[in-house]
Amino acid sequence: MKTFDKEYKLMAVKRVKESGKPVAEVARELDLNTNTLHGWMSKFGKNGEDAFPGSGNLHSADEELRKLRKEMLDLKEENAILKKAAAYFAKNQK
């Protein structure tokens, strides 16, 4: 499976927008699957220049979600430890 960098995707999308050619024609010119280019067009329409964050980079919303999930897991782990400690100390006070 081919992978394309951000610059290539932006170039392809801009070529469709600026040339006025149909997506299928530009896809043929660039040796791309038409559905791939349609997908890029859709992402660009929703997110503009931020549509393609690049290899290993996440959209800001995805990055925030990842951070919040990690924080939640850390807090659950801390909570479980505190519950065990509270039960241990309550048991030893009797």
N, C-alpha and C. Protein backbone atom coordinates (compact mmCIF):
# COMPACT_ATOMS: atom_id res chain seq x y z
N MET A 1 0.84 -1.18 0.00
CA MET A 1 0.00 0.00 0.00
C MET A 1 0.89 1.25 0.00
N LYS A 2 0.60 2.15 -0.90
CA LYS A 2 1.37 3.39 -0.98
C LYS A 2 0.96 4.32 0.15
N THR A 3 1.94 5.07 0.63
CA THR A 3 1.63 6.14 1.58
C THR A 3 2.10 7.46 0.97
N PHE A 4 1.36 8.49 1.27
CA PHE A 4 1.65 9.80 0.69
C PHE A 4 1.82 10.82 1.81
N ASP A 5 2.78 11.70 1.65
CA ASP A 5 3.00 12.71 2.68
C ASP A 5 1.99 13.85 2.54
N LYS A 6 1.99 14.70 3.54
CA LYS A 6 1.04 15.81 3.62
C LYS A 6 1.13 16.71 2.38
N GLU A 7 2.33 17.02 1.96
CA GLU A 7 2.52 17.93 0.84
C GLU A 7 1.91 17.37 -0.45
N TYR A 8 2.09 16.06 -0.66
CA TYR A 8 1.55 15.43 -1.86
C TYR A 8 0.02 15.48 -1.85
N LYS A 9 -0.57 15.17 -0.69
CA LYS A 9 -2.03 15.18 -0.58
C LYS A 9 -2.57 16.59 -0.83
N LEU A 10 -1.92 17.59 -0.24
CA LEU A 10 -2.36 18.97 -0.44
C LEU A 10 -2.21 19.38 -1.90
N MET A 11 -1.12 18.96 -2.53
CA MET A 11 -0.91 19.28 -3.94
C MET A 11 -2.04 18.68 -4.78
N ALA A 12 -2.40 17.42 -4.51
CA ALA A 12 -3.44 16.75 -5.29
C ALA A 12 -4.79 17.45 -5.11
N VAL A 13 -5.13 17.78 -3.87
CA VAL A 13 -6.40 18.45 -3.59
C VAL A 13 -6.43 19.82 -4.26
N LYS A 14 -5.35 20.56 -4.16
CA LYS A 14 -5.30 21.90 -4.76
C LYS A 14 -5.36 21.82 -6.28
N ARG A 15 -4.80 20.77 -6.84
CA ARG A 15 -4.85 20.62 -8.30
C ARG A 15 -6.30 20.46 -8.75
N VAL A 16 -7.08 19.67 -8.01
CA VAL A 16 -8.50 19.51 -8.35
C VAL A 16 -9.21 20.85 -8.23
N LYS A 17 -9.00 21.53 -7.12
CA LYS A 17 -9.71 22.79 -6.86
C LYS A 17 -9.32 23.88 -7.85
N GLU A 18 -8.04 23.99 -8.17
CA GLU A 18 -7.57 25.09 -9.02
C GLU A 18 -7.76 24.82 -10.51
N SER A 19 -7.70 23.56 -10.90
CA SER A 19 -7.79 23.25 -12.33
C SER A 19 -9.24 23.18 -12.81
N GLY A 20 -10.16 22.90 -11.90
CA GLY A 20 -11.55 22.74 -12.30
C GLY A 20 -11.82 21.40 -12.96
N LYS A 21 -10.80 20.55 -13.01
CA LYS A 21 -10.97 19.22 -13.61
C LYS A 21 -11.71 18.31 -12.64
N PRO A 22 -12.38 17.30 -13.17
CA PRO A 22 -13.04 16.32 -12.30
C PRO A 22 -12.00 15.55 -11.47
N VAL A 23 -12.42 15.09 -10.31
CA VAL A 23 -11.53 14.34 -9.43
C VAL A 23 -10.97 13.12 -10.16
N ALA A 24 -11.81 12.43 -10.91
CA ALA A 24 -11.36 11.22 -11.61
C ALA A 24 -10.23 11.52 -12.58
N GLU A 25 -10.30 12.64 -13.27
CA GLU A 25 -9.26 13.01 -14.23
C GLU A 25 -7.94 13.31 -13.53
N VAL A 26 -8.00 14.08 -12.46
CA VAL A 26 -6.78 14.39 -11.70
C VAL A 26 -6.21 13.12 -11.09
N ALA A 27 -7.08 12.25 -10.60
CA ALA A 27 -6.62 10.98 -10.02
C ALA A 27 -5.86 10.17 -11.07
N ARG A 28 -6.38 10.12 -12.29
CA ARG A 28 -5.69 9.40 -13.38
C ARG A 28 -4.34 10.03 -13.66
N GLU A 29 -4.29 11.36 -13.72
CA GLU A 29 -3.03 12.07 -14.00
C GLU A 29 -1.97 11.75 -12.94
N LEU A 30 -2.41 11.60 -11.70
CA LEU A 30 -1.48 11.37 -10.59
C LEU A 30 -1.32 9.89 -10.26
N ASP A 31 -1.96 9.04 -11.04
CA ASP A 31 -1.93 7.59 -10.82
C ASP A 31 -2.43 7.25 -9.41
N LEU A 32 -3.57 7.86 -9.05
CA LEU A 32 -4.20 7.61 -7.76
C LEU A 32 -5.54 6.94 -7.96
N ASN A 33 -5.98 6.22 -6.95
CA ASN A 33 -7.33 5.69 -6.95
C ASN A 33 -8.28 6.87 -6.75
N THR A 34 -9.35 6.89 -7.52
CA THR A 34 -10.31 7.99 -7.44
C THR A 34 -10.88 8.12 -6.03
N ASN A 35 -11.18 6.99 -5.38
CA ASN A 35 -11.73 7.03 -4.03
C ASN A 35 -10.74 7.64 -3.04
N THR A 36 -9.47 7.38 -3.24
CA THR A 36 -8.44 7.96 -2.37
C THR A 36 -8.47 9.48 -2.47
N LEU A 37 -8.50 9.98 -3.69
CA LEU A 37 -8.52 11.44 -3.88
C LEU A 37 -9.82 12.04 -3.36
N HIS A 38 -10.93 11.35 -3.56
CA HIS A 38 -12.21 11.83 -3.00
C HIS A 38 -12.10 11.93 -1.47
N GLY A 39 -11.48 10.93 -0.84
CA GLY A 39 -11.30 10.95 0.61
C GLY A 39 -10.47 12.14 1.05
N TRP A 40 -9.40 12.41 0.33
CA TRP A 40 -8.55 13.55 0.65
C TRP A 40 -9.33 14.86 0.50
N MET A 41 -10.14 14.93 -0.55
CA MET A 41 -10.95 16.13 -0.78
C MET A 41 -11.92 16.34 0.39
N SER A 42 -12.52 15.26 0.85
CA SER A 42 -13.47 15.33 1.96
C SER A 42 -12.78 15.79 3.24
N LYS A 43 -11.62 15.19 3.54
CA LYS A 43 -10.87 15.59 4.74
C LYS A 43 -10.44 17.05 4.65
N PHE A 44 -10.00 17.46 3.48
CA PHE A 44 -9.58 18.85 3.29
C PHE A 44 -10.76 19.80 3.48
N GLY A 45 -11.93 19.38 2.98
CA GLY A 45 -13.13 20.21 3.14
C GLY A 45 -13.51 20.41 4.59
N LYS A 46 -13.27 19.40 5.42
CA LYS A 46 -13.64 19.48 6.84
C LYS A 46 -12.58 20.20 7.67
N ASN A 47 -11.30 19.96 7.36
CA ASN A 47 -10.22 20.45 8.23
C ASN A 47 -9.23 21.41 7.56
N GLY A 48 -9.40 21.69 6.30
CA GLY A 48 -8.49 22.59 5.61
C GLY A 48 -7.05 22.08 5.62
N GLU A 49 -6.11 22.97 5.81
CA GLU A 49 -4.68 22.63 5.79
C GLU A 49 -4.31 21.62 6.89
N ASP A 50 -5.12 21.54 7.94
CA ASP A 50 -4.84 20.61 9.04
C ASP A 50 -5.38 19.21 8.78
N ALA A 51 -5.92 18.98 7.60
CA ALA A 51 -6.53 17.69 7.28
C ALA A 51 -5.53 16.54 7.30
N PHE A 52 -4.29 16.84 7.01
CA PHE A 52 -3.27 15.79 6.90
C PHE A 52 -2.13 16.12 7.86
N PRO A 53 -2.22 15.65 9.12
CA PRO A 53 -1.23 16.04 10.11
C PRO A 53 0.17 15.49 9.88
N GLY A 54 0.30 14.47 9.07
CA GLY A 54 1.63 13.92 8.80
C GLY A 54 1.90 12.67 9.60
N SER A 55 2.92 11.98 9.24
CA SER A 55 3.27 10.71 9.85
C SER A 55 3.55 10.86 11.34
N GLY A 56 2.84 10.10 12.14
CA GLY A 56 3.07 10.10 13.57
C GLY A 56 2.46 11.26 14.32
N ASN A 57 1.83 12.17 13.61
CA ASN A 57 1.20 13.32 14.25
C ASN A 57 -0.31 13.13 14.27
N LEU A 58 -0.94 13.63 15.29
CA LEU A 58 -2.38 13.51 15.41
C LEU A 58 -3.03 14.88 15.27
N HIS A 59 -4.29 14.86 14.84
CA HIS A 59 -5.06 16.10 14.89
C HIS A 59 -5.12 16.54 16.34
N SER A 60 -5.28 17.81 16.57
CA SER A 60 -5.28 18.32 17.94
C SER A 60 -6.38 17.67 18.78
N ALA A 61 -7.55 17.42 18.20
CA ALA A 61 -8.64 16.78 18.95
C ALA A 61 -8.27 15.34 19.30
N ASP A 62 -7.64 14.63 18.36
CA ASP A 62 -7.21 13.25 18.62
C ASP A 62 -6.12 13.21 19.69
N GLU A 63 -5.22 14.17 19.64
CA GLU A 63 -4.15 14.25 20.63
C GLU A 63 -4.73 14.51 22.01
N GLU A 64 -5.70 15.42 22.09
CA GLU A 64 -6.35 15.73 23.37
C GLU A 64 -7.08 14.50 23.90
N LEU A 65 -7.77 13.78 23.03
CA LEU A 65 -8.47 12.56 23.44
C LEU A 65 -7.49 11.53 23.97
N ARG A 66 -6.37 11.36 23.29
CA ARG A 66 -5.35 10.40 23.74
C ARG A 66 -4.83 10.78 25.12
N LYS A 67 -4.56 12.07 25.33
CA LYS A 67 -4.06 12.53 26.63
C LYS A 67 -5.09 12.30 27.73
N LEU A 68 -6.36 12.61 27.43
CA LEU A 68 -7.40 12.44 28.44
C LEU A 68 -7.62 10.97 28.79
N ARG A 69 -7.55 10.10 27.80
CA ARG A 69 -7.69 8.66 28.07
C ARG A 69 -6.54 8.16 28.94
N LYS A 70 -5.33 8.61 28.64
CA LYS A 70 -4.18 8.21 29.46
C LYS A 70 -4.34 8.72 30.88
N GLU A 71 -4.76 9.96 31.02
CA GLU A 71 -4.96 10.53 32.36
C GLU A 71 -6.04 9.76 33.12
N MET A 72 -7.11 9.39 32.42
CA MET A 72 -8.18 8.62 33.06
C MET A 72 -7.66 7.27 33.56
N LEU A 73 -6.88 6.58 32.74
CA LEU A 73 -6.33 5.29 33.15
C LEU A 73 -5.39 5.45 34.34
N ASP A 74 -4.57 6.49 34.32
CA ASP A 74 -3.66 6.75 35.45
C ASP A 74 -4.45 7.00 36.73
N LEU A 75 -5.52 7.79 36.63
CA LEU A 75 -6.33 8.09 37.81
C LEU A 75 -7.06 6.86 38.33
N LYS A 76 -7.52 6.01 37.41
CA LYS A 76 -8.17 4.76 37.84
C LYS A 76 -7.19 3.87 38.59
N GLU A 77 -5.96 3.82 38.09
CA GLU A 77 -4.93 3.02 38.75
C GLU A 77 -4.63 3.58 40.14
N GLU A 78 -4.49 4.89 40.23
CA GLU A 78 -4.23 5.52 41.53
C GLU A 78 -5.40 5.28 42.49
N ASN A 79 -6.61 5.37 41.98
CA ASN A 79 -7.80 5.15 42.80
C ASN A 79 -7.83 3.72 43.34
N ALA A 80 -7.48 2.75 42.51
CA ALA A 80 -7.46 1.35 42.95
C ALA A 80 -6.42 1.15 44.05
N ILE A 81 -5.28 1.78 43.90
CA ILE A 81 -4.22 1.67 44.93
C ILE A 81 -4.70 2.28 46.24
N LEU A 82 -5.34 3.44 46.17
CA LEU A 82 -5.84 4.10 47.38
C LEU A 82 -6.92 3.27 48.06
N LYS A 83 -7.78 2.64 47.28
CA LYS A 83 -8.82 1.78 47.86
C LYS A 83 -8.19 0.61 48.61
N LYS A 84 -7.18 0.00 48.00
CA LYS A 84 -6.50 -1.13 48.65
C LYS A 84 -5.81 -0.67 49.93
N ALA A 85 -5.18 0.49 49.88
CA ALA A 85 -4.49 1.01 51.07
C ALA A 85 -5.50 1.32 52.17
N ALA A 86 -6.62 1.93 51.81
CA ALA A 86 -7.65 2.25 52.81
C ALA A 86 -8.20 0.98 53.44
N ALA A 87 -8.43 -0.05 52.63
CA ALA A 87 -8.93 -1.32 53.17
C ALA A 87 -7.89 -1.95 54.08
N TYR A 88 -6.64 -1.89 53.71
CA TYR A 88 -5.56 -2.46 54.53
C TYR A 88 -5.48 -1.77 55.89
N PHE A 89 -5.49 -0.43 55.87
CA PHE A 89 -5.37 0.31 57.13
C PHE A 89 -6.62 0.15 58.00
N ALA A 90 -7.79 0.08 57.38
CA ALA A 90 -9.02 -0.12 58.14
C ALA A 90 -9.01 -1.49 58.81
N LYS A 91 -8.49 -2.47 58.11
CA LYS A 91 -8.42 -3.84 58.63
C LYS A 91 -7.45 -3.91 59.82
N ASN A 92 -6.33 -3.20 59.74
CA ASN A 92 -5.31 -3.24 60.79
C ASN A 92 -5.68 -2.42 62.02
N GLN A 93 -6.65 -1.54 61.92
CA GLN A 93 -7.05 -0.72 63.07
C GLN A 93 -8.00 -1.46 64.00
N LYS A 94 -8.58 -2.54 63.56
CA LYS A 94 -9.55 -3.27 64.38
C LYS A 94 -8.91 -4.07 65.46
